[in-house]
Protein backbone atom coordinates (compact mmCIF):
# COMPACT_ATOMS: atom_id res chain seq x y z
CA MET A 1 92.62 -52.33 -9.68
CA LEU A 2 95.09 -49.87 -10.04
CA LEU A 3 92.46 -47.25 -9.26
CA LEU A 4 91.10 -49.14 -6.11
CA LEU A 5 94.97 -49.32 -4.82
CA LEU A 6 95.81 -45.64 -5.74
CA GLY A 7 92.15 -45.11 -3.41
CA ILE A 8 93.61 -46.62 -0.47
CA ILE A 9 96.54 -45.01 -0.84
CA LEU A 10 95.61 -41.68 -0.80
CA LEU A 11 93.44 -42.58 2.07
CA HIS A 12 96.42 -43.72 3.68
CA ILE A 13 98.45 -40.84 3.45
CA ALA A 14 95.18 -38.51 4.14
CA GLY A 15 95.25 -39.83 7.36
CA LEU A 16 98.76 -39.52 8.01
CA VAL A 17 98.65 -36.05 7.24
CA LEU A 18 96.42 -35.39 9.88
CA LEU A 19 98.22 -37.60 12.37
CA PHE A 20 101.52 -35.38 11.90
CA VAL A 21 99.90 -31.98 11.50
CA SER A 22 97.36 -32.34 14.73
CA THR A 23 100.51 -33.88 16.62
CA ILE A 24 102.94 -30.67 15.61
CA VAL A 25 100.60 -27.82 15.62
CA SER A 26 100.22 -25.93 18.44
CA VAL A 27 96.82 -25.41 18.39
CA TRP A 28 95.10 -28.47 20.24
CA THR A 29 93.29 -25.53 22.43
CA SER A 30 93.11 -22.06 21.84
CA GLY A 31 92.01 -18.83 23.19
CA GLU A 32 91.94 -14.82 22.51
CA THR A 33 95.91 -14.90 23.56
CA SER A 34 96.92 -18.34 23.88
CA THR A 35 96.53 -21.29 22.64
CA ALA A 36 98.37 -24.86 23.79
CA ASP A 37 99.08 -28.10 22.35
CA LEU A 38 100.90 -31.12 23.64
CA TRP A 39 104.29 -29.81 23.43
CA ILE A 40 104.40 -25.55 24.37
CA ASN A 41 101.49 -23.22 25.65
CA CYS A 42 101.83 -19.86 24.24
CA THR A 43 100.53 -16.56 25.66
CA THR A 44 100.39 -12.99 23.96
CA THR A 45 100.63 -10.33 27.00
CA ASN A 46 102.11 -6.91 26.32
CA ALA A 47 104.92 -7.95 26.98
CA GLY A 48 105.42 -9.71 23.93
CA TYR A 49 104.81 -13.42 22.95
CA HIS A 50 105.55 -16.56 25.74
CA CYS A 51 106.01 -20.02 25.51
CA ASP A 52 106.16 -22.98 28.38
CA PRO A 53 106.63 -26.15 27.69
CA ALA A 54 103.63 -28.50 28.31
CA SER A 55 104.08 -29.69 31.73
CA ALA A 56 100.71 -30.59 33.25
CA GLY A 57 101.87 -34.07 34.25
CA GLU A 58 101.85 -37.45 33.45
CA TRP A 59 98.57 -37.56 31.16
CA ILE A 60 100.22 -35.41 29.07
CA GLN A 61 102.77 -37.44 28.20
CA ALA A 62 100.61 -40.08 27.65
CA VAL A 63 98.92 -38.33 25.11
CA GLN A 64 102.15 -37.96 23.64
CA ALA A 65 103.16 -41.08 22.97
CA LEU A 66 100.06 -42.19 21.61
CA MET A 67 100.25 -39.68 19.08
CA ILE A 68 103.81 -40.55 18.68
CA LEU A 69 102.77 -44.22 17.67
CA SER A 70 99.85 -43.64 15.99
CA ILE A 71 102.19 -41.77 13.34
CA ILE A 72 104.91 -44.66 13.86
CA PHE A 73 102.27 -47.51 13.34
CA SER A 74 101.01 -45.60 10.41
CA CYS A 75 104.08 -44.95 8.62
CA LEU A 76 104.67 -48.66 9.41
CA SER A 77 101.71 -49.99 7.65
CA LEU A 78 102.39 -47.79 5.07
CA LEU A 79 105.61 -49.63 4.34
CA LEU A 80 104.47 -52.38 5.00
CA PHE A 81 101.56 -52.41 2.33
CA PHE A 82 104.36 -51.52 -0.17
CA CYS A 83 106.22 -54.45 1.18
CA GLN A 84 103.56 -56.68 0.58
CA LEU A 85 102.13 -55.49 -2.41
CA PHE A 86 105.12 -57.23 -3.98
CA THR A 87 105.50 -60.33 -2.35
CA LEU A 88 102.55 -61.49 -1.16
CA GLN A 89 100.99 -64.25 -3.23
CA LYS A 90 98.29 -63.40 -5.44
CA GLY A 91 95.17 -64.01 -3.25
CA GLY A 92 96.65 -63.07 -0.23
CA ARG A 93 95.15 -60.74 2.63
CA PHE A 94 97.35 -57.87 3.83
CA PHE A 95 96.70 -58.53 7.63
CA LEU A 96 99.72 -57.21 8.65
CA THR A 97 99.25 -53.96 7.02
CA GLY A 98 95.61 -54.16 8.46
CA THR A 99 96.64 -54.47 11.63
CA PHE A 100 99.41 -51.56 11.84
CA GLN A 101 97.05 -49.19 10.53
CA ILE A 102 94.22 -50.30 13.15
CA LEU A 103 96.65 -50.06 16.43
CA ALA A 104 97.25 -46.73 14.75
CA SER A 105 93.52 -45.21 14.72
CA LEU A 106 93.27 -46.87 18.24
CA PHE A 107 96.38 -45.37 19.40
CA VAL A 108 94.99 -42.14 17.95
CA MET A 109 91.52 -42.17 19.72
CA SER A 110 93.18 -42.88 23.15
CA GLY A 111 95.41 -39.70 22.55
CA ALA A 112 92.34 -37.74 21.96
CA ILE A 113 90.41 -39.42 24.40
CA ILE A 114 92.57 -38.59 27.00
CA TYR A 115 93.39 -35.04 25.66
CA THR A 116 89.15 -35.06 25.97
CA VAL A 117 88.88 -35.79 29.68
CA MET A 118 91.90 -34.23 30.97
CA SER A 119 92.24 -30.77 29.47
CA PRO A 120 89.37 -29.03 31.74
CA GLN A 121 92.19 -29.89 34.73
CA TRP A 122 94.31 -27.75 32.87
CA VAL A 123 92.68 -25.89 30.54
CA PRO A 124 90.75 -22.43 31.51
CA GLU A 125 87.30 -22.58 30.58
CA THR A 126 87.09 -19.44 28.36
CA GLU A 127 89.56 -21.39 25.70
CA ALA A 128 87.99 -23.89 23.04
CA PHE A 129 89.73 -26.87 21.30
CA GLY A 130 91.73 -25.84 18.32
CA TYR A 131 91.56 -27.18 15.07
CA SER A 132 94.88 -29.60 15.71
CA TYR A 133 92.14 -31.28 18.44
CA ILE A 134 89.85 -31.54 15.64
CA LEU A 135 92.06 -32.89 13.21
CA ALA A 136 93.45 -35.84 15.42
CA TRP A 137 89.95 -36.71 15.78
CA VAL A 138 89.64 -36.67 12.48
CA ALA A 139 92.11 -38.84 11.11
CA PHE A 140 90.88 -41.17 13.59
CA PRO A 141 87.78 -42.35 11.00
CA LEU A 142 90.53 -42.38 8.58
CA ALA A 143 93.01 -44.19 9.78
CA LEU A 144 90.29 -47.13 10.95
CA ILE A 145 88.71 -47.18 7.59
CA SER A 146 91.98 -47.93 6.10
CA GLY A 147 93.21 -50.47 8.62
CA LEU A 148 89.52 -52.27 7.25
CA ILE A 149 89.94 -51.75 3.68
CA TYR A 150 93.37 -52.97 4.24
CA VAL A 151 91.95 -56.62 6.10
CA ILE A 152 89.47 -57.06 3.63
CA LEU A 153 91.90 -56.31 0.76
CA ARG A 154 93.22 -59.59 -0.96
CA LYS A 155 96.12 -59.14 -4.13
CA ARG A 156 95.29 -60.08 -7.41
CA GLU A 157 97.21 -59.44 -10.46
């Protein structure tokens, strides 16, 4: 049972780290001379390195909000798990923890889908999706799987 709990906690923390990295790091799209993310767009020219705030409209703000919400809900889910671990009755299920984690996964999925659909209008075709974008997509199934495990998990002594 202890190994199972450790595995679930490690899965949750791995997903949380991926969420943090994908939200913070500036490589949602990358090209030879530029990178862009949810917050800033940077280009390299002969004059140096120039960064502008990402202001492509409401859709980028929606992606920003959804990624932040996914981090908040995942952190709350981890906190709730530890609280429920010590207060939940024997045989009880971690429904609240699982619900928060599943919501976090849905938020990150929604943010990544919005970015995928709307970025062709904003990102030049010479650029490709970067590793932060891929990490967001990897964080989605990790959060979803850990949320489903929390819902199925029963507390034992």
